[in-house]
PDB file of N, CA and C in Angstrom:
ATOM      1  N   MET A   1      44.693  84.260 128.433  1.00  0.00           N
ATOM      2  CA  MET A   1      43.655  82.932 128.466  1.00  0.00           C
ATOM      3  C   MET A   1      43.018  82.814 129.526  1.00  0.00           C
ATOM      4  N   SER A   2      41.575  82.505 129.469  1.00  0.00           N
ATOM      5  CA  SER A   2      40.753  82.573 130.601  1.00  0.00           C
ATOM      6  C   SER A   2      40.125  81.198 130.587  1.00  0.00           C
ATOM      7  N   ALA A   3      39.747  80.716 131.895  1.00  0.00           N
ATOM      8  CA  ALA A   3      39.104  79.307 132.201  1.00  0.00           C
ATOM      9  C   ALA A   3      37.834  79.601 132.609  1.00  0.00           C
ATOM     10  N   SER A   4      36.773  78.720 132.272  1.00  0.00           N
ATOM     11  CA  SER A   4      35.242  78.818 132.493  1.00  0.00           C
ATOM     12  C   SER A   4      35.088  77.849 133.505  1.00  0.00           C
ATOM     13  N   VAL A   5      34.350  78.350 134.514  1.00  0.00           N
ATOM     14  CA  VAL A   5      34.040  77.525 135.684  1.00  0.00           C
ATOM     15  C   VAL A   5      32.592  77.725 136.158  1.00  0.00           C
ATOM     16  N   ASN A   6      31.842  77.058 136.530  1.00  0.00           N
ATOM     17  CA  ASN A   6      30.530  76.965 136.936  1.00  0.00           C
ATOM     18  C   ASN A   6      30.507  77.852 138.224  1.00  0.00           C
ATOM     19  N   LEU A   7      29.861  78.789 138.273  1.00  0.00           N
ATOM     20  CA  LEU A   7      29.645  79.781 139.368  1.00  0.00           C
ATOM     21  C   LEU A   7      28.665  79.270 140.566  1.00  0.00           C
ATOM     22  N   ARG A   8      27.767  78.383 140.304  1.00  0.00           N
ATOM     23  CA  ARG A   8      26.713  77.862 141.194  1.00  0.00           C
ATOM     24  C   ARG A   8      27.317  77.326 142.557  1.00  0.00           C
ATOM     25  N   GLY A   9      26.865  77.750 143.527  1.00  0.00           N
ATOM     26  CA  GLY A   9      27.392  77.185 145.047  1.00  0.00           C
ATOM     27  C   GLY A   9      28.518  78.353 145.437  1.00  0.00           C
ATOM     28  N   LEU A  10      28.710  79.219 144.876  1.00  0.00           N
ATOM     29  CA  LEU A  10      29.926  80.053 145.343  1.00  0.00           C
ATOM     30  C   LEU A  10      29.306  81.527 146.075  1.00  0.00           C
ATOM     31  N   GLY A  11      28.357  81.218 146.820  1.00  0.00           N
ATOM     32  CA  GLY A  11      27.887  82.542 147.570  1.00  0.00           C
ATOM     33  C   GLY A  11      26.673  83.321 147.077  1.00  0.00           C
ATOM     34  N   GLY A  12      26.004  82.919 145.950  1.00  0.00           N
ATOM     35  CA  GLY A  12      24.979  83.810 145.629  1.00  0.00           C
ATOM     36  C   GLY A  12      25.200  85.164 145.063  1.00  0.00           C
ATOM     37  N   ARG A  13      26.371  85.368 144.538  1.00  0.00           N
ATOM     38  CA  ARG A  13      26.834  86.922 144.367  1.00  0.00           C
ATOM     39  C   ARG A  13      26.010  87.411 142.926  1.00  0.00           C
ATOM     40  N   ALA A  14      25.723  86.331 142.046  1.00  0.00           N
ATOM     41  CA  ALA A  14      25.183  86.601 140.908  1.00  0.00           C
ATOM     42  C   ALA A  14      23.514  86.784 140.885  1.00  0.00           C
ATOM     43  N   GLY A  15      23.023  86.406 142.054  1.00  0.00           N
ATOM     44  CA  GLY A  15      21.376  86.535 142.024  1.00  0.00           C
ATOM     45  C   GLY A  15      20.903  85.440 141.354  1.00  0.00           C
ATOM     46  N   LEU A  16      19.963  85.525 140.282  1.00  0.00           N
ATOM     47  CA  LEU A  16      19.223  84.409 139.568  1.00  0.00           C
ATOM     48  C   LEU A  16      20.308  83.716 138.864  1.00  0.00           C
ATOM     49  N   CYS A  17      21.431  84.284 138.476  1.00  0.00           N
ATOM     50  CA  CYS A  17      22.254  83.520 137.637  1.00  0.00           C
ATOM     51  C   CYS A  17      23.048  82.300 138.266  1.00  0.00           C
ATOM     52  N   ASP A  18      22.919  82.343 139.578  1.00  0.00           N
ATOM     53  CA  ASP A  18      23.731  81.186 140.305  1.00  0.00           C
ATOM     54  C   ASP A  18      22.725  80.014 140.252  1.00  0.00           C
ATOM     55  N   SER A  19      21.719  80.226 139.862  1.00  0.00           N
ATOM     56  CA  SER A  19      20.928  78.727 139.844  1.00  0.00           C
ATOM     57  C   SER A  19      20.340  78.617 138.388  1.00  0.00           C
ATOM     58  N   CYS A  20      20.983  79.294 137.436  1.00  0.00           N
ATOM     59  CA  CYS A  20      20.479  79.286 135.935  1.00  0.00           C
ATOM     60  C   CYS A  20      21.411  78.408 135.248  1.00  0.00           C
ATOM     61  N   SER A  21      20.738  77.511 134.393  1.00  0.00           N
ATOM     62  CA  SER A  21      21.681  76.538 133.440  1.00  0.00           C
ATOM     63  C   SER A  21      22.460  77.348 132.354  1.00  0.00           C
ATOM     64  N   HIS A  22      22.271  78.806 132.377  1.00  0.00           N
ATOM     65  CA  HIS A  22      22.785  79.246 131.164  1.00  0.00           C
ATOM     66  C   HIS A  22      24.036  80.271 131.698  1.00  0.00           C
ATOM     67  N   GLN A  23      24.188  80.238 133.040  1.00  0.00           N
ATOM     68  CA  GLN A  23      25.414  80.969 133.785  1.00  0.00           C
ATOM     69  C   GLN A  23      26.542  80.346 133.688  1.00  0.00           C
ATOM     70  N   GLN A  24      27.767  80.892 133.460  1.00  0.00           N
ATOM     71  CA  GLN A  24      29.061  80.324 133.453  1.00  0.00           C
ATOM     72  C   GLN A  24      29.833  81.392 133.987  1.00  0.00           C
ATOM     73  N   LEU A  25      30.843  81.050 134.876  1.00  0.00           N
ATOM     74  CA  LEU A  25      31.942  82.070 135.365  1.00  0.00           C
ATOM     75  C   LEU A  25      33.197  82.059 134.528  1.00  0.00           C
ATOM     76  N   VAL A  26      33.370  83.085 134.148  1.00  0.00           N
ATOM     77  CA  VAL A  26      34.851  83.311 133.331  1.00  0.00           C
ATOM     78  C   VAL A  26      35.962  84.013 134.245  1.00  0.00           C
ATOM     79  N   ARG A  27      36.916  83.288 134.571  1.00  0.00           N
ATOM     80  CA  ARG A  27      38.048  83.844 135.255  1.00  0.00           C
ATOM     81  C   ARG A  27      39.124  84.105 134.536  1.00  0.00           C
ATOM     82  N   THR A  28      39.724  85.379 134.530  1.00  0.00           N
ATOM     83  CA  THR A  28      40.898  85.689 133.806  1.00  0.00           C
ATOM     84  C   THR A  28      42.248  85.486 134.539  1.00  0.00           C
ATOM     85  N   THR A  29      43.334  85.365 133.707  1.00  0.00           N
ATOM     86  CA  THR A  29      44.413  85.050 134.298  1.00  0.00           C
ATOM     87  C   THR A  29      45.115  86.197 135.406  1.00  0.00           C
ATOM     88  N   ARG A  30      44.447  87.154 135.539  1.00  0.00           N
ATOM     89  CA  ARG A  30      44.680  88.175 136.485  1.00  0.00           C
ATOM     90  C   ARG A  30      43.936  88.063 137.815  1.00  0.00           C
ATOM     91  N   GLY A  31      42.931  87.295 137.670  1.00  0.00           N
ATOM     92  CA  GLY A  31      42.175  86.739 138.986  1.00  0.00           C
ATOM     93  C   GLY A  31      40.815  87.520 138.939  1.00  0.00           C
ATOM     94  N   SER A  32      40.302  88.277 137.894  1.00  0.00           N
ATOM     95  CA  SER A  32      39.154  88.738 137.884  1.00  0.00           C
ATOM     96  C   SER A  32      38.014  87.617 137.397  1.00  0.00           C
ATOM     97  N   SER A  33      36.825  87.812 137.870  1.00  0.00           N
ATOM     98  CA  SER A  33      35.758  86.914 137.642  1.00  0.00           C
ATOM     99  C   SER A  33      34.581  87.647 136.957  1.00  0.00           C
ATOM    100  N   PHE A  34      34.091  86.894 136.106  1.00  0.00           N
ATOM    101  CA  PHE A  34      32.867  87.660 135.172  1.00  0.00           C
ATOM    102  C   PHE A  34      31.647  86.417 135.094  1.00  0.00           C
ATOM    103  N   SER A  35      30.465  86.943 135.285  1.00  0.00           N
ATOM    104  CA  SER A  35      29.373  85.907 134.929  1.00  0.00           C
ATOM    105  C   SER A  35      28.815  86.176 133.646  1.00  0.00           C
ATOM    106  N   LEU A  36      29.180  85.060 132.895  1.00  0.00           N
ATOM    107  CA  LEU A  36      28.684  84.996 131.443  1.00  0.00           C
ATOM    108  C   LEU A  36      27.450  84.377 131.127  1.00  0.00           C
ATOM    109  N   CYS A  37      26.477  85.003 130.584  1.00  0.00           N
ATOM    110  CA  CYS A  37      25.241  84.413 130.140  1.00  0.00           C
ATOM    111  C   CYS A  37      25.382  83.579 128.700  1.00  0.00           C
ATOM    112  N   THR A  38      25.365  82.304 128.877  1.00  0.00           N
ATOM    113  CA  THR A  38      25.513  81.544 127.551  1.00  0.00           C
ATOM    114  C   THR A  38      24.283  81.864 126.665  1.00  0.00           C
ATOM    115  N   ARG A  39      23.111  82.142 127.172  1.00  0.00           N
ATOM    116  CA  ARG A  39      22.063  82.346 126.350  1.00  0.00           C
ATOM    117  C   ARG A  39      22.307  83.501 125.306  1.00  0.00           C
ATOM    118  N   SER A  40      23.124  84.502 125.580  1.00  0.00           N
ATOM    119  CA  SER A  40      23.256  85.428 124.739  1.00  0.00           C
ATOM    120  C   SER A  40      23.935  85.009 123.451  1.00  0.00           C
ATOM    121  N   ARG A  41      24.583  83.995 123.406  1.00  0.00           N
ATOM    122  CA  ARG A  41      25.278  83.384 122.121  1.00  0.00           C
ATOM    123  C   ARG A  41      24.107  83.082 121.063  1.00  0.00           C
ATOM    124  N   GLU A  42      23.169  82.852 121.419  1.00  0.00           N
ATOM    125  CA  GLU A  42      21.902  82.562 120.521  1.00  0.00           C
ATOM    126  C   GLU A  42      20.915  83.472 120.351  1.00  0.00           C
ATOM    127  N   ASP A  43      20.868  84.359 121.514  1.00  0.00           N
ATOM    128  CA  ASP A  43      19.807  85.297 121.519  1.00  0.00           C
ATOM    129  C   ASP A  43      20.273  86.756 122.044  1.00  0.00           C
ATOM    130  N   PRO A  44      20.430  87.770 121.074  1.00  0.00           N
ATOM    131  CA  PRO A  44      21.012  88.969 121.184  1.00  0.00           C
ATOM    132  C   PRO A  44      20.127  89.864 122.317  1.00  0.00           C
ATOM    133  N   ALA A  45      19.064  89.427 122.637  1.00  0.00           N
ATOM    134  CA  ALA A  45      18.319  90.173 123.641  1.00  0.00           C
ATOM    135  C   ALA A  45      18.888  90.089 125.043  1.00  0.00           C
ATOM    136  N   TYR A  46      19.904  88.836 125.201  1.00  0.00           N
ATOM    137  CA  TYR A  46      20.302  88.770 126.589  1.00  0.00           C
ATOM    138  C   TYR A  46      21.710  89.279 126.549  1.00  0.00           C
ATOM    139  N   PRO A  47      22.144  89.979 127.638  1.00  0.00           N
ATOM    140  CA  PRO A  47      23.469  90.803 127.532  1.00  0.00           C
ATOM    141  C   PRO A  47      24.332  89.475 127.738  1.00  0.00           C
ATOM    142  N   ARG A  48      25.704  89.637 127.216  1.00  0.00           N
ATOM    143  CA  ARG A  48      26.748  88.526 127.491  1.00  0.00           C
ATOM    144  C   ARG A  48      27.196  88.556 128.921  1.00  0.00           C
ATOM    145  N   TYR A  49      27.405  89.773 129.483  1.00  0.00           N
ATOM    146  CA  TYR A  49      27.785  90.003 130.807  1.00  0.00           C
ATOM    147  C   TYR A  49      26.688  90.853 131.658  1.00  0.00           C
ATOM    148  N   PRO A  50      25.703  90.361 132.184  1.00  0.00           N
ATOM    149  CA  PRO A  50      24.619  91.051 132.681  1.00  0.00           C
ATOM    150  C   PRO A  50      25.125  91.713 134.000  1.00  0.00           C
ATOM    151  N   ARG A  51      24.548  92.992 134.389  1.00  0.00           N
ATOM    152  CA  ARG A  51      24.656  93.555 135.684  1.00  0.00           C
ATOM    153  C   ARG A  51      24.464  92.751 136.672  1.00  0.00           C
ATOM    154  N   LEU A  52      25.139  92.490 137.824  1.00  0.00           N
ATOM    155  CA  LEU A  52      24.890  91.720 138.773  1.00  0.00           C
ATOM    156  C   LEU A  52      24.535  92.379 140.139  1.00  0.00           C
ATOM    157  N   PRO A  53      23.754  91.964 140.986  1.00  0.00           N
ATOM    158  CA  PRO A  53      22.933  90.800 140.913  1.00  0.00           C
ATOM    159  C   PRO A  53      21.845  91.016 139.950  1.00  0.00           C
ATOM    160  N   VAL A  54      21.489  89.768 139.273  1.00  0.00           N
ATOM    161  CA  VAL A  54      20.287  89.585 138.435  1.00  0.00           C
ATOM    162  C   VAL A  54      19.151  89.235 139.313  1.00  0.00           C
ATOM    163  N   LEU A  55      18.029  90.128 139.213  1.00  0.00           N
ATOM    164  CA  LEU A  55      17.086  89.941 140.218  1.00  0.00           C
ATOM    165  C   LEU A  55      15.710  89.335 139.299  1.00  0.00           C
ATOM    166  N   SER A  56      15.781  89.564 137.953  1.00  0.00           N
ATOM    167  CA  SER A  56      14.639  89.289 137.276  1.00  0.00           C
ATOM    168  C   SER A  56      15.177  88.822 135.766  1.00  0.00           C
ATOM    169  N   CYS A  57      14.702  87.756 135.298  1.00  0.00           N
ATOM    170  CA  CYS A  57      15.258  87.490 133.956  1.00  0.00           C
ATOM    171  C   CYS A  57      14.273  86.471 133.221  1.00  0.00           C
ATOM    172  N   PRO A  58      13.752  86.816 132.130  1.00  0.00           N
ATOM    173  CA  PRO A  58      12.707  85.966 131.533  1.00  0.00           C
ATOM    174  C   PRO A  58      13.239  84.745 130.930  1.00  0.00           C
ATOM    175  N   GLY A  59      14.671  84.646 130.812  1.00  0.00           N
ATOM    176  CA  GLY A  59      15.248  83.441 130.245  1.00  0.00           C
ATOM    177  C   GLY A  59      15.639  82.496 131.180  1.00  0.00           C
ATOM    178  N   HIS A  60      15.587  82.923 132.415  1.00  0.00           N
ATOM    179  CA  HIS A  60      16.213  81.981 133.607  1.00  0.00           C
ATOM    180  C   HIS A  60      15.536  80.558 133.482  1.00  0.00           C
ATOM    181  N   GLU A  61      16.512  79.533 133.455  1.00  0.00           N
ATOM    182  CA  GLU A  61      16.025  78.101 133.661  1.00  0.00           C
ATOM    183  C   GLU A  61      17.018  77.427 134.721  1.00  0.00           C
ATOM    184  N   ASP A  62      16.127  76.992 135.634  1.00  0.00           N
ATOM    185  CA  ASP A  62      16.683  76.448 137.003  1.00  0.00           C
ATOM    186  C   ASP A  62      17.614  75.284 136.614  1.00  0.00           C
ATOM    187  N   ALA A  63      18.813  75.158 137.014  1.00  0.00           N
ATOM    188  CA  ALA A  63      19.728  74.300 136.817  1.00  0.00           C
ATOM    189  C   ALA A  63      20.042  73.300 137.872  1.00  0.00           C
ATOM    190  N   THR A  64      19.343  73.562 139.205  1.00  0.00           N
ATOM    191  CA  THR A  64      19.277  72.681 140.160  1.00  0.00           C
ATOM    192  C   THR A  64      18.523  71.516 139.939  1.00  0.00           C
ATOM    193  N   PRO A  65      19.067  70.254 140.168  1.00  0.00           N
ATOM    194  CA  PRO A  65      18.252  69.079 139.933  1.00  0.00           C
ATOM    195  C   PRO A  65      17.115  68.938 140.837  1.00  0.00           C
ATOM    196  N   PRO A  66      16.013  68.509 140.364  1.00  0.00           N
ATOM    197  CA  PRO A  66      14.737  68.200 141.217  1.00  0.00           C
ATOM    198  C   PRO A  66      15.131  67.333 142.332  1.00  0.00           C
ATOM    199  N   ALA A  67      14.501  67.588 143.380  1.00  0.00           N
ATOM    200  CA  ALA A  67      14.617  66.451 144.526  1.00  0.00           C
ATOM    201  C   ALA A  67      13.986  65.377 144.290  1.00  0.00           C
ATOM    202  N   GLU A  68      14.585  64.203 144.685  1.00  0.00           N
ATOM    203  CA  GLU A  68      13.816  62.960 144.418  1.00  0.00           C
ATOM    204  C   GLU A  68      12.656  62.762 145.142  1.00  0.00           C
ATOM    205  N   GLN A  69      11.635  62.143 144.591  1.00  0.00           N
ATOM    206  CA  GLN A  69      10.308  61.993 145.269  1.00  0.00           C
ATOM    207  C   GLN A  69      10.391  60.609 145.944  1.00  0.00           C
ATOM    208  N   PRO A  70       9.851  60.524 147.186  1.00  0.00           N
ATOM    209  CA  PRO A  70       9.898  59.401 147.978  1.00  0.00           C
ATOM    210  C   PRO A  70       8.997  58.311 147.280  1.00  0.00           C
ATOM    211  N   ARG A  71       9.165  57.117 147.527  1.00  0.00           N
ATOM    212  CA  ARG A  71       8.367  56.043 146.817  1.00  0.00           C
ATOM    213  C   ARG A  71       7.305  55.640 147.852  1.00  0.00           C
TER     214      ARG A  71
END
């Protein structure tokens, strides 16, 4: 059984995936971690487990919230 956890904020090991809304960290019971691209569920052009670090990706969507604008 594996647990899914968000990878953002864990050191930037996955390149662009760390800031992508489609990225999910999958941890196995043996302690291994894998970066899962959830976009691969709907579009077979994207690998389920891309080679890391990802430096370029046409499907990257920034998951970091925009900074609040001063009034």
